[in-house]
Amino acid sequence: MGDSAEKKPVAKKAKKPSFFKGVKSEFKKITWPDKNSTFKQSVAVVSISIVAGLIIAVLDFLIQHGVNFITQL
């Protein structure tokens, strides 16, 4: 009975490329922005951050004084 069950040969798995080779190939696909583009985008981010901060500060000031006015009635 035990002789009739044959062992199937185990197929060897294809060797996976190493992690670092994959990273290297992905880095080759990256197109880095030029210096001028990076500067413009940085200025845009800082400007928008300042404007958003000012809007939040004004809203905070108005809401704070509105709540103080309502609670003192």
C-alpha atoms as a PDB file:
ATOM      1  CA  MET A   1       0.000   0.000   0.000  1.00  0.00           C
ATOM      2  CA  GLY A   2       2.714   2.490   0.884  1.00  0.00           C
ATOM      3  CA  ASP A   3       4.615   1.803  -2.346  1.00  0.00           C
ATOM      4  CA  SER A   4       1.767   2.903  -4.608  1.00  0.00           C
ATOM      5  CA  ALA A   5       1.898   6.503  -3.353  1.00  0.00           C
ATOM      6  CA  GLU A   6       4.676   8.132  -5.306  1.00  0.00           C
ATOM      7  CA  LYS A   7       6.376  11.301  -4.199  1.00  0.00           C
ATOM      8  CA  LYS A   8       5.910  14.109  -6.653  1.00  0.00           C
ATOM      9  CA  PRO A   9       9.067  15.978  -7.552  1.00  0.00           C
ATOM     10  CA  VAL A  10       9.118  19.415  -6.018  1.00  0.00           C
ATOM     11  CA  ALA A  11       9.549  22.135  -8.640  1.00  0.00           C
ATOM     12  CA  LYS A  12      12.098  24.721  -7.699  1.00  0.00           C
ATOM     13  CA  LYS A  13      10.705  28.220  -7.401  1.00  0.00           C
ATOM     14  CA  ALA A  14      12.086  30.885  -9.670  1.00  0.00           C
ATOM     15  CA  LYS A  15      14.535  33.014  -7.735  1.00  0.00           C
ATOM     16  CA  LYS A  16      13.009  36.378  -6.897  1.00  0.00           C
ATOM     17  CA  PRO A  17      15.064  39.448  -7.732  1.00  0.00           C
ATOM     18  CA  SER A  18      16.553  40.979  -4.639  1.00  0.00           C
ATOM     19  CA  PHE A  19      14.798  43.868  -2.934  1.00  0.00           C
ATOM     20  CA  PHE A  20      17.601  46.307  -3.636  1.00  0.00           C
ATOM     21  CA  LYS A  21      17.654  45.497  -7.362  1.00  0.00           C
ATOM     22  CA  GLY A  22      13.946  46.342  -7.461  1.00  0.00           C
ATOM     23  CA  VAL A  23      14.537  49.582  -5.607  1.00  0.00           C
ATOM     24  CA  LYS A  24      17.334  50.493  -7.997  1.00  0.00           C
ATOM     25  CA  SER A  25      15.149  49.877 -11.040  1.00  0.00           C
ATOM     26  CA  GLU A  26      12.347  51.987  -9.540  1.00  0.00           C
ATOM     27  CA  PHE A  27      14.751  54.845  -8.798  1.00  0.00           C
ATOM     28  CA  LYS A  28      15.755  54.875 -12.451  1.00  0.00           C
ATOM     29  CA  LYS A  29      12.125  55.628 -13.369  1.00  0.00           C
ATOM     30  CA  ILE A  30      11.971  58.765 -11.190  1.00  0.00           C
ATOM     31  CA  THR A  31      12.065  62.115 -12.955  1.00  0.00           C
ATOM     32  CA  TRP A  32      13.322  64.693 -10.493  1.00  0.00           C
ATOM     33  CA  PRO A  33      12.106  68.301 -10.851  1.00  0.00           C
ATOM     34  CA  ASP A  34      14.604  70.942 -11.884  1.00  0.00           C
ATOM     35  CA  LYS A  35      15.836  73.641  -9.510  1.00  0.00           C
ATOM     36  CA  ASN A  36      13.451  76.329 -10.817  1.00  0.00           C
ATOM     37  CA  SER A  37      10.396  74.102 -10.505  1.00  0.00           C
ATOM     38  CA  THR A  38      11.366  73.067  -6.972  1.00  0.00           C
ATOM     39  CA  PHE A  39      11.794  76.709  -5.949  1.00  0.00           C
ATOM     40  CA  LYS A  40       8.398  77.720  -7.379  1.00  0.00           C
ATOM     41  CA  GLN A  41       6.629  74.832  -5.666  1.00  0.00           C
ATOM     42  CA  SER A  42       8.348  75.606  -2.358  1.00  0.00           C
ATOM     43  CA  VAL A  43       7.291  79.262  -2.559  1.00  0.00           C
ATOM     44  CA  ALA A  44       3.726  78.163  -3.311  1.00  0.00           C
ATOM     45  CA  VAL A  45       3.636  75.809  -0.319  1.00  0.00           C
ATOM     46  CA  VAL A  46       5.026  78.424   2.092  1.00  0.00           C
ATOM     47  CA  SER A  47       2.660  81.120   0.760  1.00  0.00           C
ATOM     48  CA  ILE A  48      -0.413  78.926   1.048  1.00  0.00           C
ATOM     49  CA  SER A  49       0.645  77.848   4.546  1.00  0.00           C
ATOM     50  CA  ILE A  50       0.962  81.477   5.673  1.00  0.00           C
ATOM     51  CA  VAL A  51      -2.402  82.427   4.165  1.00  0.00           C
ATOM     52  CA  ALA A  52      -4.102  79.387   5.726  1.00  0.00           C
ATOM     53  CA  GLY A  53      -2.511  80.238   9.097  1.00  0.00           C
ATOM     54  CA  LEU A  54      -3.791  83.810   8.899  1.00  0.00           C
ATOM     55  CA  ILE A  55      -7.304  82.656   7.996  1.00  0.00           C
ATOM     56  CA  ILE A  56      -7.322  80.222  10.924  1.00  0.00           C
ATOM     57  CA  ALA A  57      -6.011  82.925  13.299  1.00  0.00           C
ATOM     58  CA  VAL A  58      -8.722  85.395  12.229  1.00  0.00           C
ATOM     59  CA  LEU A  59     -11.456  82.770  12.536  1.00  0.00           C
ATOM     60  CA  ASP A  60     -10.144  81.763  15.966  1.00  0.00           C
ATOM     61  CA  PHE A  61     -10.154  85.398  17.104  1.00  0.00           C
ATOM     62  CA  LEU A  62     -13.714  85.964  15.852  1.00  0.00           C
ATOM     63  CA  ILE A  63     -15.064  82.738  17.327  1.00  0.00           C
ATOM     64  CA  GLN A  64     -13.354  83.400  20.671  1.00  0.00           C
ATOM     65  CA  HIS A  65     -14.864  86.860  20.953  1.00  0.00           C
ATOM     66  CA  GLY A  66     -18.234  85.593  19.750  1.00  0.00           C
ATOM     67  CA  VAL A  67     -18.308  82.905  22.423  1.00  0.00           C
ATOM     68  CA  ASN A  68     -17.199  85.394  25.089  1.00  0.00           C
ATOM     69  CA  PHE A  69     -19.952  87.795  24.015  1.00  0.00           C
ATOM     70  CA  ILE A  70     -22.616  85.054  24.166  1.00  0.00           C
ATOM     71  CA  THR A  71     -21.491  83.745  27.568  1.00  0.00           C
ATOM     72  CA  GLN A  72     -21.522  87.228  29.124  1.00  0.00           C
ATOM     73  CA  LEU A  73     -25.156  87.936  28.195  1.00  0.00           C
END
